[in-house]
PDB file of N, CA and C in Angstrom:
ATOM      1  N   MET A   1      61.216  30.241 173.019  1.00  0.00           N
ATOM      2  CA  MET A   1      62.564  30.618 172.658  1.00  0.00           C
ATOM      3  C   MET A   1      62.564  31.018 171.190  1.00  0.00           C
ATOM      4  N   SER A   2      63.110  32.170 170.896  1.00  0.00           N
ATOM      5  CA  SER A   2      63.229  32.560 169.498  1.00  0.00           C
ATOM      6  C   SER A   2      64.685  32.888 169.210  1.00  0.00           C
ATOM      7  N   ALA A   3      65.048  32.801 167.955  1.00  0.00           N
ATOM      8  CA  ALA A   3      66.434  32.996 167.549  1.00  0.00           C
ATOM      9  C   ALA A   3      66.856  34.449 167.792  1.00  0.00           C
ATOM     10  N   PRO A   4      68.034  34.645 168.382  1.00  0.00           N
ATOM     11  CA  PRO A   4      68.542  36.004 168.626  1.00  0.00           C
ATOM     12  C   PRO A   4      69.183  36.568 167.359  1.00  0.00           C
ATOM     13  N   LEU A   5      68.367  36.975 166.415  1.00  0.00           N
ATOM     14  CA  LEU A   5      68.853  37.464 165.128  1.00  0.00           C
ATOM     15  C   LEU A   5      69.619  38.766 165.283  1.00  0.00           C
ATOM     16  N   ASP A   6      70.705  38.889 164.515  1.00  0.00           N
ATOM     17  CA  ASP A   6      71.428  40.152 164.487  1.00  0.00           C
ATOM     18  C   ASP A   6      70.562  41.199 163.777  1.00  0.00           C
ATOM     19  N   ILE A   7      70.637  42.425 164.261  1.00  0.00           N
ATOM     20  CA  ILE A   7      69.888  43.528 163.657  1.00  0.00           C
ATOM     21  C   ILE A   7      70.738  44.236 162.606  1.00  0.00           C
ATOM     22  N   GLU A   8      72.048  44.282 162.854  1.00  0.00           N
ATOM     23  CA  GLU A   8      72.965  44.947 161.931  1.00  0.00           C
ATOM     24  C   GLU A   8      74.144  44.032 161.650  1.00  0.00           C
ATOM     25  N   GLY A   9      74.890  44.355 160.600  1.00  0.00           N
ATOM     26  CA  GLY A   9      76.076  43.584 160.262  1.00  0.00           C
ATOM     27  C   GLY A   9      75.796  42.547 159.200  1.00  0.00           C
ATOM     28  N   PRO A  10      76.851  41.840 158.784  1.00  0.00           N
ATOM     29  CA  PRO A  10      76.719  40.914 157.652  1.00  0.00           C
ATOM     30  C   PRO A  10      75.806  39.728 157.919  1.00  0.00           C
ATOM     31  N   THR A  11      75.623  39.337 159.181  1.00  0.00           N
ATOM     32  CA  THR A  11      74.775  38.175 159.460  1.00  0.00           C
ATOM     33  C   THR A  11      73.312  38.550 159.690  1.00  0.00           C
ATOM     34  N   ALA A  12      72.999  39.830 159.675  1.00  0.00           N
ATOM     35  CA  ALA A  12      71.620  40.265 159.898  1.00  0.00           C
ATOM     36  C   ALA A  12      70.756  39.963 158.671  1.00  0.00           C
ATOM     37  N   PRO A  13      69.600  39.325 158.876  1.00  0.00           N
ATOM     38  CA  PRO A  13      68.707  39.051 157.738  1.00  0.00           C
ATOM     39  C   PRO A  13      68.191  40.343 157.104  1.00  0.00           C
ATOM     40  N   PRO A  14      67.888  40.288 155.802  1.00  0.00           N
ATOM     41  CA  PRO A  14      67.330  41.475 155.132  1.00  0.00           C
ATOM     42  C   PRO A  14      66.008  41.896 155.774  1.00  0.00           C
ATOM     43  N   ARG A  15      65.831  43.184 155.908  1.00  0.00           N
ATOM     44  CA  ARG A  15      64.599  43.720 156.489  1.00  0.00           C
ATOM     45  C   ARG A  15      64.130  44.917 155.672  1.00  0.00           C
ATOM     46  N   THR A  16      62.829  45.164 155.776  1.00  0.00           N
ATOM     47  CA  THR A  16      62.262  46.389 155.239  1.00  0.00           C
ATOM     48  C   THR A  16      61.265  46.901 156.267  1.00  0.00           C
ATOM     49  N   ASN A  17      61.401  48.143 156.659  1.00  0.00           N
ATOM     50  CA  ASN A  17      60.557  48.726 157.709  1.00  0.00           C
ATOM     51  C   ASN A  17      60.536  47.861 158.968  1.00  0.00           C
ATOM     52  N   GLY A  18      61.690  47.268 159.281  1.00  0.00           N
ATOM     53  CA  GLY A  18      61.802  46.464 160.493  1.00  0.00           C
ATOM     54  C   GLY A  18      61.312  45.042 160.376  1.00  0.00           C
ATOM     55  N   GLU A  19      60.630  44.700 159.278  1.00  0.00           N
ATOM     56  CA  GLU A  19      60.100  43.347 159.073  1.00  0.00           C
ATOM     57  C   GLU A  19      61.085  42.526 158.248  1.00  0.00           C
ATOM     58  N   LEU A  20      61.203  41.234 158.569  1.00  0.00           N
ATOM     59  CA  LEU A  20      62.047  40.363 157.763  1.00  0.00           C
ATOM     60  C   LEU A  20      61.536  40.354 156.326  1.00  0.00           C
ATOM     61  N   LEU A  21      62.459  40.374 155.380  1.00  0.00           N
ATOM     62  CA  LEU A  21      62.110  40.446 153.960  1.00  0.00           C
ATOM     63  C   LEU A  21      62.526  39.158 153.265  1.00  0.00           C
ATOM     64  N   PHE A  22      61.584  38.530 152.590  1.00  0.00           N
ATOM     65  CA  PHE A  22      61.845  37.338 151.801  1.00  0.00           C
ATOM     66  C   PHE A  22      61.408  37.621 150.369  1.00  0.00           C
ATOM     67  N   SER A  23      62.333  37.446 149.422  1.00  0.00           N
ATOM     68  CA  SER A  23      62.021  37.709 148.018  1.00  0.00           C
ATOM     69  C   SER A  23      61.328  36.538 147.352  1.00  0.00           C
ATOM     70  N   GLU A  24      61.597  35.330 147.853  1.00  0.00           N
ATOM     71  CA  GLU A  24      61.031  34.116 147.277  1.00  0.00           C
ATOM     72  C   GLU A  24      60.499  33.241 148.407  1.00  0.00           C
ATOM     73  N   PRO A  25      59.496  32.397 148.128  1.00  0.00           N
ATOM     74  CA  PRO A  25      58.950  31.526 149.184  1.00  0.00           C
ATOM     75  C   PRO A  25      60.001  30.613 149.821  1.00  0.00           C
ATOM     76  N   TRP A  26      60.972  30.114 149.030  1.00  0.00           N
ATOM     77  CA  TRP A  26      61.973  29.206 149.590  1.00  0.00           C
ATOM     78  C   TRP A  26      62.818  29.900 150.646  1.00  0.00           C
ATOM     79  N   GLU A  27      62.984  31.218 150.536  1.00  0.00           N
ATOM     80  CA  GLU A  27      63.791  31.937 151.521  1.00  0.00           C
ATOM     81  C   GLU A  27      63.140  31.884 152.898  1.00  0.00           C
ATOM     82  N   SER A  28      61.832  32.040 152.960  1.00  0.00           N
ATOM     83  CA  SER A  28      61.154  31.974 154.256  1.00  0.00           C
ATOM     84  C   SER A  28      61.179  30.547 154.793  1.00  0.00           C
ATOM     85  N   ARG A  29      61.131  29.537 153.894  1.00  0.00           N
ATOM     86  CA  ARG A  29      61.243  28.141 154.350  1.00  0.00           C
ATOM     87  C   ARG A  29      62.626  27.872 154.915  1.00  0.00           C
ATOM     88  N   ALA A  30      63.667  28.376 154.250  1.00  0.00           N
ATOM     89  CA  ALA A  30      65.035  28.198 154.732  1.00  0.00           C
ATOM     90  C   ALA A  30      65.195  28.854 156.104  1.00  0.00           C
ATOM     91  N   PHE A  31      64.654  30.052 156.239  1.00  0.00           N
ATOM     92  CA  PHE A  31      64.705  30.765 157.510  1.00  0.00           C
ATOM     93  C   PHE A  31      64.001  29.946 158.594  1.00  0.00           C
ATOM     94  N   GLY A  32      62.814  29.465 158.269  1.00  0.00           N
ATOM     95  CA  GLY A  32      62.024  28.697 159.227  1.00  0.00           C
ATOM     96  C   GLY A  32      62.688  27.392 159.634  1.00  0.00           C
ATOM     97  N   MET A  33      63.367  26.729 158.689  1.00  0.00           N
ATOM     98  CA  MET A  33      64.067  25.491 159.024  1.00  0.00           C
ATOM     99  C   MET A  33      65.152  25.753 160.059  1.00  0.00           C
ATOM    100  N   VAL A  34      65.937  26.803 159.854  1.00  0.00           N
ATOM    101  CA  VAL A  34      67.022  27.118 160.787  1.00  0.00           C
ATOM    102  C   VAL A  34      66.454  27.442 162.162  1.00  0.00           C
ATOM    103  N   VAL A  35      65.454  28.308 162.211  1.00  0.00           N
ATOM    104  CA  VAL A  35      64.876  28.701 163.502  1.00  0.00           C
ATOM    105  C   VAL A  35      64.252  27.492 164.206  1.00  0.00           C
ATOM    106  N   SER A  36      63.538  26.646 163.458  1.00  0.00           N
ATOM    107  CA  SER A  36      62.908  25.457 164.053  1.00  0.00           C
ATOM    108  C   SER A  36      63.944  24.500 164.625  1.00  0.00           C
ATOM    109  N   LEU A  37      65.014  24.258 163.881  1.00  0.00           N
ATOM    110  CA  LEU A  37      66.059  23.351 164.361  1.00  0.00           C
ATOM    111  C   LEU A  37      66.787  23.943 165.570  1.00  0.00           C
ATOM    112  N   TYR A  38      67.001  25.251 165.550  1.00  0.00           N
ATOM    113  CA  TYR A  38      67.596  25.922 166.707  1.00  0.00           C
ATOM    114  C   TYR A  38      66.689  25.764 167.931  1.00  0.00           C
ATOM    115  N   GLU A  39      65.393  26.036 167.748  1.00  0.00           N
ATOM    116  CA  GLU A  39      64.446  25.945 168.868  1.00  0.00           C
ATOM    117  C   GLU A  39      64.309  24.517 169.370  1.00  0.00           C
ATOM    118  N   ALA A  40      64.563  23.523 168.492  1.00  0.00           N
ATOM    119  CA  ALA A  40      64.508  22.121 168.891  1.00  0.00           C
ATOM    120  C   ALA A  40      65.803  21.675 169.587  1.00  0.00           C
ATOM    121  N   GLY A  41      66.780  22.586 169.662  1.00  0.00           N
ATOM    122  CA  GLY A  41      68.026  22.269 170.353  1.00  0.00           C
ATOM    123  C   GLY A  41      69.045  21.513 169.520  1.00  0.00           C
ATOM    124  N   ARG A  42      68.873  21.529 168.184  1.00  0.00           N
ATOM    125  CA  ARG A  42      69.826  20.807 167.320  1.00  0.00           C
ATOM    126  C   ARG A  42      71.191  21.480 167.281  1.00  0.00           C
ATOM    127  N   PHE A  43      71.220  22.800 167.521  1.00  0.00           N
ATOM    128  CA  PHE A  43      72.470  23.546 167.583  1.00  0.00           C
ATOM    129  C   PHE A  43      72.212  24.834 168.338  1.00  0.00           C
ATOM    130  N   THR A  44      73.283  25.479 168.780  1.00  0.00           N
ATOM    131  CA  THR A  44      73.132  26.762 169.471  1.00  0.00           C
ATOM    132  C   THR A  44      73.149  27.873 168.426  1.00  0.00           C
ATOM    133  N   TRP A  45      72.647  29.033 168.817  1.00  0.00           N
ATOM    134  CA  TRP A  45      72.668  30.144 167.867  1.00  0.00           C
ATOM    135  C   TRP A  45      74.099  30.566 167.546  1.00  0.00           C
ATOM    136  N   PRO A  46      75.016  30.611 168.534  1.00  0.00           N
ATOM    137  CA  PRO A  46      76.414  30.936 168.176  1.00  0.00           C
ATOM    138  C   PRO A  46      77.016  29.951 167.172  1.00  0.00           C
ATOM    139  N   GLU A  47      76.639  28.673 167.244  1.00  0.00           N
ATOM    140  CA  GLU A  47      77.134  27.700 166.262  1.00  0.00           C
ATOM    141  C   GLU A  47      76.631  28.050 164.865  1.00  0.00           C
ATOM    142  N   PHE A  48      75.339  28.383 164.763  1.00  0.00           N
ATOM    143  CA  PHE A  48      74.802  28.739 163.447  1.00  0.00           C
ATOM    144  C   PHE A  48      75.427  30.034 162.950  1.00  0.00           C
ATOM    145  N   ARG A  49      75.523  31.014 163.840  1.00  0.00           N
ATOM    146  CA  ARG A  49      76.084  32.309 163.449  1.00  0.00           C
ATOM    147  C   ARG A  49      77.519  32.137 162.937  1.00  0.00           C
ATOM    148  N   THR A  50      78.317  31.302 163.621  1.00  0.00           N
ATOM    149  CA  THR A  50      79.694  31.048 163.189  1.00  0.00           C
ATOM    150  C   THR A  50      79.716  30.412 161.806  1.00  0.00           C
ATOM    151  N   ALA A  51      78.824  29.448 161.563  1.00  0.00           N
ATOM    152  CA  ALA A  51      78.747  28.812 160.244  1.00  0.00           C
ATOM    153  C   ALA A  51      78.356  29.833 159.180  1.00  0.00           C
ATOM    154  N   LEU A  52      77.451  30.740 159.522  1.00  0.00           N
ATOM    155  CA  LEU A  52      77.020  31.770 158.576  1.00  0.00           C
ATOM    156  C   LEU A  52      78.161  32.746 158.295  1.00  0.00           C
ATOM    157  N   VAL A  53      78.867  33.172 159.333  1.00  0.00           N
ATOM    158  CA  VAL A  53      80.017  34.079 159.156  1.00  0.00           C
ATOM    159  C   VAL A  53      81.062  33.411 158.262  1.00  0.00           C
ATOM    160  N   THR A  54      81.314  32.125 158.480  1.00  0.00           N
ATOM    161  CA  THR A  54      82.291  31.394 157.666  1.00  0.00           C
ATOM    162  C   THR A  54      81.877  31.402 156.199  1.00  0.00           C
ATOM    163  N   ARG A  55      80.586  31.162 155.929  1.00  0.00           N
ATOM    164  CA  ARG A  55      80.093  31.179 154.547  1.00  0.00           C
ATOM    165  C   ARG A  55      80.187  32.580 153.934  1.00  0.00           C
ATOM    166  N   ILE A  56      79.862  33.605 154.720  1.00  0.00           N
ATOM    167  CA  ILE A  56      79.942  34.985 154.221  1.00  0.00           C
ATOM    168  C   ILE A  56      81.388  35.343 153.897  1.00  0.00           C
ATOM    169  N   GLN A  57      82.312  34.989 154.789  1.00  0.00           N
ATOM    170  CA  GLN A  57      83.722  35.291 154.556  1.00  0.00           C
ATOM    171  C   GLN A  57      84.255  34.549 153.336  1.00  0.00           C
ATOM    172  N   ALA A  58      83.816  33.295 153.151  1.00  0.00           N
ATOM    173  CA  ALA A  58      84.238  32.529 151.978  1.00  0.00           C
ATOM    174  C   ALA A  58      83.728  33.195 150.709  1.00  0.00           C
ATOM    175  N   TRP A  59      82.505  33.729 150.763  1.00  0.00           N
ATOM    176  CA  TRP A  59      81.954  34.429 149.593  1.00  0.00           C
ATOM    177  C   TRP A  59      82.756  35.698 149.312  1.00  0.00           C
ATOM    178  N   GLU A  60      83.116  36.420 150.381  1.00  0.00           N
ATOM    179  CA  GLU A  60      83.825  37.698 150.220  1.00  0.00           C
ATOM    180  C   GLU A  60      85.248  37.531 149.696  1.00  0.00           C
ATOM    181  N   THR A  61      85.883  36.410 150.029  1.00  0.00           N
ATOM    182  CA  THR A  61      87.301  36.257 149.709  1.00  0.00           C
ATOM    183  C   THR A  61      87.589  35.199 148.649  1.00  0.00           C
ATOM    184  N   GLY A  62      86.617  34.393 148.298  1.00  0.00           N
ATOM    185  CA  GLY A  62      86.871  33.287 147.382  1.00  0.00           C
ATOM    186  C   GLY A  62      86.324  33.517 145.990  1.00  0.00           C
ATOM    187  N   PRO A  63      86.368  32.465 145.181  1.00  0.00           N
ATOM    188  CA  PRO A  63      85.884  32.570 143.802  1.00  0.00           C
ATOM    189  C   PRO A  63      84.385  32.853 143.711  1.00  0.00           C
ATOM    190  N   ALA A  64      83.644  32.547 144.786  1.00  0.00           N
ATOM    191  CA  ALA A  64      82.201  32.814 144.785  1.00  0.00           C
ATOM    192  C   ALA A  64      81.910  34.313 144.735  1.00  0.00           C
ATOM    193  N   ARG A  65      82.923  35.146 144.977  1.00  0.00           N
ATOM    194  CA  ARG A  65      82.759  36.601 144.955  1.00  0.00           C
ATOM    195  C   ARG A  65      82.215  37.075 143.604  1.00  0.00           C
ATOM    196  N   ASP A  66      82.469  36.271 142.562  1.00  0.00           N
ATOM    197  CA  ASP A  66      81.969  36.625 141.232  1.00  0.00           C
ATOM    198  C   ASP A  66      80.462  36.407 141.113  1.00  0.00           C
ATOM    199  N   GLU A  67      79.895  35.646 142.041  1.00  0.00           N
ATOM    200  CA  GLU A  67      78.454  35.401 142.026  1.00  0.00           C
ATOM    201  C   GLU A  67      77.751  36.532 142.769  1.00  0.00           C
ATOM    202  N   PRO A  68      76.502  36.825 142.419  1.00  0.00           N
ATOM    203  CA  PRO A  68      75.777  37.887 143.118  1.00  0.00           C
ATOM    204  C   PRO A  68      75.576  37.522 144.589  1.00  0.00           C
ATOM    205  N   TRP A  69      75.553  38.537 145.427  1.00  0.00           N
ATOM    206  CA  TRP A  69      75.283  38.355 146.857  1.00  0.00           C
ATOM    207  C   TRP A  69      73.863  37.825 147.012  1.00  0.00           C
ATOM    208  N   HIS A  70      73.719  36.732 147.754  1.00  0.00           N
ATOM    209  CA  HIS A  70      72.392  36.207 148.028  1.00  0.00           C
ATOM    210  C   HIS A  70      72.386  35.663 149.441  1.00  0.00           C
ATOM    211  N   TYR A  71      71.872  36.468 150.357  1.00  0.00           N
ATOM    212  CA  TYR A  71      71.920  36.165 151.786  1.00  0.00           C
ATOM    213  C   TYR A  71      71.376  34.778 152.114  1.00  0.00           C
ATOM    214  N   TYR A  72      70.197  34.439 151.597  1.00  0.00           N
ATOM    215  CA  TYR A  72      69.582  33.178 152.007  1.00  0.00           C
ATOM    216  C   TYR A  72      70.244  31.948 151.394  1.00  0.00           C
ATOM    217  N   ARG A  73      70.966  32.096 150.289  1.00  0.00           N
ATOM    218  CA  ARG A  73      71.773  30.968 149.795  1.00  0.00           C
ATOM    219  C   ARG A  73      72.891  30.671 150.799  1.00  0.00           C
ATOM    220  N   LEU A  74      73.518  31.725 151.324  1.00  0.00           N
ATOM    221  CA  LEU A  74      74.573  31.552 152.326  1.00  0.00           C
ATOM    222  C   LEU A  74      73.983  31.012 153.626  1.00  0.00           C
ATOM    223  N   TRP A  75      72.799  31.480 153.993  1.00  0.00           N
ATOM    224  CA  TRP A  75      72.084  31.017 155.196  1.00  0.00           C
ATOM    225  C   TRP A  75      71.846  29.509 155.108  1.00  0.00           C
ATOM    226  N   LEU A  76      71.346  29.056 153.943  1.00  0.00           N
ATOM    227  CA  LEU A  76      71.065  27.642 153.739  1.00  0.00           C
ATOM    228  C   LEU A  76      72.360  26.829 153.714  1.00  0.00           C
ATOM    229  N   ALA A  77      73.409  27.372 153.091  1.00  0.00           N
ATOM    230  CA  ALA A  77      74.703  26.679 153.053  1.00  0.00           C
ATOM    231  C   ALA A  77      75.265  26.524 154.466  1.00  0.00           C
ATOM    232  N   ALA A  78      75.078  27.535 155.314  1.00  0.00           N
ATOM    233  CA  ALA A  78      75.544  27.453 156.706  1.00  0.00           C
ATOM    234  C   ALA A  78      74.798  26.344 157.447  1.00  0.00           C
ATOM    235  N   LEU A  79      73.493  26.232 157.207  1.00  0.00           N
ATOM    236  CA  LEU A  79      72.716  25.158 157.822  1.00  0.00           C
ATOM    237  C   LEU A  79      73.233  23.797 157.345  1.00  0.00           C
ATOM    238  N   GLU A  80      73.477  23.667 156.047  1.00  0.00           N
ATOM    239  CA  GLU A  80      74.006  22.413 155.510  1.00  0.00           C
ATOM    240  C   GLU A  80      75.336  22.071 156.168  1.00  0.00           C
ATOM    241  N   ASP A  81      76.222  23.068 156.305  1.00  0.00           N
ATOM    242  CA  ASP A  81      77.523  22.841 156.941  1.00  0.00           C
ATOM    243  C   ASP A  81      77.354  22.308 158.359  1.00  0.00           C
ATOM    244  N   LEU A  82      76.440  22.920 159.108  1.00  0.00           N
ATOM    245  CA  LEU A  82      76.203  22.479 160.488  1.00  0.00           C
ATOM    246  C   LEU A  82      75.687  21.050 160.539  1.00  0.00           C
ATOM    247  N   LEU A  83      74.691  20.739 159.730  1.00  0.00           N
ATOM    248  CA  LEU A  83      74.077  19.412 159.762  1.00  0.00           C
ATOM    249  C   LEU A  83      75.033  18.335 159.277  1.00  0.00           C
ATOM    250  N   VAL A  84      75.800  18.631 158.239  1.00  0.00           N
ATOM    251  CA  VAL A  84      76.791  17.668 157.748  1.00  0.00           C
ATOM    252  C   VAL A  84      77.883  17.494 158.806  1.00  0.00           C
ATOM    253  N   GLY A  85      78.319  18.610 159.420  1.00  0.00           N
ATOM    254  CA  GLY A  85      79.348  18.556 160.458  1.00  0.00           C
ATOM    255  C   GLY A  85      78.924  17.752 161.666  1.00  0.00           C
ATOM    256  N   GLN A  86      77.642  17.772 161.984  1.00  0.00           N
ATOM    257  CA  GLN A  86      77.116  17.014 163.124  1.00  0.00           C
ATOM    258  C   GLN A  86      76.850  15.558 162.754  1.00  0.00           C
ATOM    259  N   GLY A  87      76.951  15.242 161.472  1.00  0.00           N
ATOM    260  CA  GLY A  87      76.642  13.887 161.037  1.00  0.00           C
ATOM    261  C   GLY A  87      75.150  13.632 160.959  1.00  0.00           C
ATOM    262  N   ALA A  88      74.345  14.715 161.053  1.00  0.00           N
ATOM    263  CA  ALA A  88      72.888  14.572 161.000  1.00  0.00           C
ATOM    264  C   ALA A  88      72.432  14.179 159.598  1.00  0.00           C
ATOM    265  N   VAL A  89      73.127  14.671 158.593  1.00  0.00           N
ATOM    266  CA  VAL A  89      72.847  14.321 157.200  1.00  0.00           C
ATOM    267  C   VAL A  89      74.181  14.208 156.468  1.00  0.00           C
ATOM    268  N   SER A  90      74.170  13.503 155.351  1.00  0.00           N
ATOM    269  CA  SER A  90      75.378  13.424 154.534  1.00  0.00           C
ATOM    270  C   SER A  90      75.298  14.473 153.432  1.00  0.00           C
ATOM    271  N   THR A  91      76.445  14.779 152.852  1.00  0.00           N
ATOM    272  CA  THR A  91      76.467  15.727 151.735  1.00  0.00           C
ATOM    273  C   THR A  91      75.595  15.219 150.596  1.00  0.00           C
ATOM    274  N   ASP A  92      75.610  13.886 150.366  1.00  0.00           N
ATOM    275  CA  ASP A  92      74.783  13.307 149.289  1.00  0.00           C
ATOM    276  C   ASP A  92      73.293  13.521 149.563  1.00  0.00           C
ATOM    277  N   GLU A  93      72.877  13.386 150.832  1.00  0.00           N
ATOM    278  CA  GLU A  93      71.466  13.599 151.181  1.00  0.00           C
ATOM    279  C   GLU A  93      71.060  15.051 150.925  1.00  0.00           C
ATOM    280  N   VAL A  94      71.947  15.981 151.285  1.00  0.00           N
ATOM    281  CA  VAL A  94      71.656  17.403 151.061  1.00  0.00           C
ATOM    282  C   VAL A  94      71.505  17.660 149.564  1.00  0.00           C
ATOM    283  N   THR A  95      72.420  17.120 148.770  1.00  0.00           N
ATOM    284  CA  THR A  95      72.375  17.320 147.320  1.00  0.00           C
ATOM    285  C   THR A  95      71.084  16.750 146.737  1.00  0.00           C
ATOM    286  N   ALA A  96      70.718  15.536 147.148  1.00  0.00           N
ATOM    287  CA  ALA A  96      69.499  14.897 146.624  1.00  0.00           C
ATOM    288  C   ALA A  96      68.258  15.688 147.020  1.00  0.00           C
ATOM    289  N   ARG A  97      68.184  16.134 148.262  1.00  0.00           N
ATOM    290  CA  ARG A  97      67.010  16.883 148.726  1.00  0.00           C
ATOM    291  C   ARG A  97      66.914  18.226 148.011  1.00  0.00           C
ATOM    292  N   THR A  98      68.056  18.886 147.809  1.00  0.00           N
ATOM    293  CA  THR A  98      68.070  20.164 147.099  1.00  0.00           C
ATOM    294  C   THR A  98      67.559  19.970 145.680  1.00  0.00           C
ATOM    295  N   ARG A  99      68.009  18.892 145.024  1.00  0.00           N
ATOM    296  CA  ARG A  99      67.557  18.600 143.653  1.00  0.00           C
ATOM    297  C   ARG A  99      66.042  18.358 143.625  1.00  0.00           C
ATOM    298  N   ASP A 100      65.536  17.591 144.601  1.00  0.00           N
ATOM    299  CA  ASP A 100      64.093  17.325 144.671  1.00  0.00           C
ATOM    300  C   ASP A 100      63.297  18.619 144.818  1.00  0.00           C
ATOM    301  N   LEU A 101      63.762  19.487 145.701  1.00  0.00           N
ATOM    302  CA  LEU A 101      63.049  20.757 145.915  1.00  0.00           C
ATOM    303  C   LEU A 101      63.102  21.634 144.674  1.00  0.00           C
ATOM    304  N   ALA A 102      64.245  21.631 143.996  1.00  0.00           N
ATOM    305  CA  ALA A 102      64.388  22.463 142.796  1.00  0.00           C
ATOM    306  C   ALA A 102      63.475  21.999 141.673  1.00  0.00           C
ATOM    307  N   GLN A 103      63.087  20.711 141.686  1.00  0.00           N
ATOM    308  CA  GLN A 103      62.250  20.172 140.609  1.00  0.00           C
ATOM    309  C   GLN A 103      60.759  20.294 140.896  1.00  0.00           C
ATOM    310  N   ARG A 104      60.403  20.927 142.022  1.00  0.00           N
ATOM    311  CA  ARG A 104      58.976  21.131 142.299  1.00  0.00           C
ATOM    312  C   ARG A 104      58.369  22.002 141.215  1.00  0.00           C
ATOM    313  N   PRO A 105      57.150  21.731 140.831  1.00  0.00           N
ATOM    314  CA  PRO A 105      56.527  22.531 139.778  1.00  0.00           C
ATOM    315  C   PRO A 105      56.269  23.961 140.246  1.00  0.00           C
ATOM    316  N   PRO A 106      56.291  24.901 139.305  1.00  0.00           N
ATOM    317  CA  PRO A 106      55.958  26.287 139.669  1.00  0.00           C
ATOM    318  C   PRO A 106      54.567  26.338 140.296  1.00  0.00           C
ATOM    319  N   GLY A 107      54.400  27.209 141.250  1.00  0.00           N
ATOM    320  CA  GLY A 107      53.105  27.354 141.896  1.00  0.00           C
ATOM    321  C   GLY A 107      52.894  26.382 143.031  1.00  0.00           C
ATOM    322  N   HIS A 108      53.895  25.539 143.311  1.00  0.00           N
ATOM    323  CA  HIS A 108      53.763  24.576 144.410  1.00  0.00           C
ATOM    324  C   HIS A 108      53.592  25.300 145.740  1.00  0.00           C
ATOM    325  N   ASP A 109      54.319  26.398 145.880  1.00  0.00           N
ATOM    326  CA  ASP A 109      54.212  27.175 147.115  1.00  0.00           C
ATOM    327  C   ASP A 109      53.035  28.125 147.005  1.00  0.00           C
ATOM    328  N   HIS A 110      52.290  28.208 148.066  1.00  0.00           N
ATOM    329  CA  HIS A 110      51.147  29.117 148.075  1.00  0.00           C
ATOM    330  C   HIS A 110      51.542  30.401 148.766  1.00  0.00           C
ATOM    331  N   ARG A 111      51.237  31.510 148.142  1.00  0.00           N
ATOM    332  CA  ARG A 111      51.591  32.801 148.717  1.00  0.00           C
ATOM    333  C   ARG A 111      50.322  33.486 149.184  1.00  0.00           C
ATOM    334  N   ASP A 112      50.473  34.197 150.280  1.00  0.00           N
ATOM    335  CA  ASP A 112      49.314  34.924 150.792  1.00  0.00           C
ATOM    336  C   ASP A 112      49.421  36.418 150.505  1.00  0.00           C
ATOM    337  N   GLY A 113      50.382  36.759 149.631  1.00  0.00           N
ATOM    338  CA  GLY A 113      50.552  38.171 149.290  1.00  0.00           C
ATOM    339  C   GLY A 113      51.525  38.885 150.189  1.00  0.00           C
ATOM    340  N   HIS A 114      52.081  38.193 151.184  1.00  0.00           N
ATOM    341  CA  HIS A 114      53.032  38.823 152.092  1.00  0.00           C
ATOM    342  C   HIS A 114      54.416  38.238 151.852  1.00  0.00           C
ATOM    343  N   ASP A 115      55.407  39.105 151.749  1.00  0.00           N
ATOM    344  CA  ASP A 115      56.779  38.665 151.548  1.00  0.00           C
ATOM    345  C   ASP A 115      57.582  38.754 152.833  1.00  0.00           C
ATOM    346  N   HIS A 116      56.925  38.839 153.971  1.00  0.00           N
ATOM    347  CA  HIS A 116      57.643  38.939 155.239  1.00  0.00           C
ATOM    348  C   HIS A 116      56.909  38.168 156.316  1.00  0.00           C
ATOM    349  N   MET A 117      57.626  37.927 157.386  1.00  0.00           N
ATOM    350  CA  MET A 117      57.010  37.238 158.520  1.00  0.00           C
ATOM    351  C   MET A 117      56.466  38.265 159.484  1.00  0.00           C
ATOM    352  N   HIS A 118      55.442  37.887 160.210  1.00  0.00           N
ATOM    353  CA  HIS A 118      54.870  38.797 161.199  1.00  0.00           C
ATOM    354  C   HIS A 118      55.456  38.512 162.555  1.00  0.00           C
TER     355      HIS A 118
END
């Protein structure tokens, strides 16, 4: 089972030449977390898509509009919304884990020279 990703529209992941495009290593990890949890049955794809649409609409209409568009930040926020909403994690746990990941030393992620998934 693989995630039924949108090809076009606001919820469609960035692509180049048809391949998913990740600018930073954390973006591919965020993508992989969502797909893995979906494949494990933690939520349905329509549930995730709805959470993502909600985050995109909030960005388009709220004070976050002043911030640059960043698809995978919204993608990760949608995942957080789903997990917190399900009671799978608390907001405090998400904040603590995000802080831990942000404090990883540079070079922690190993790159193979590819910025996309095959």
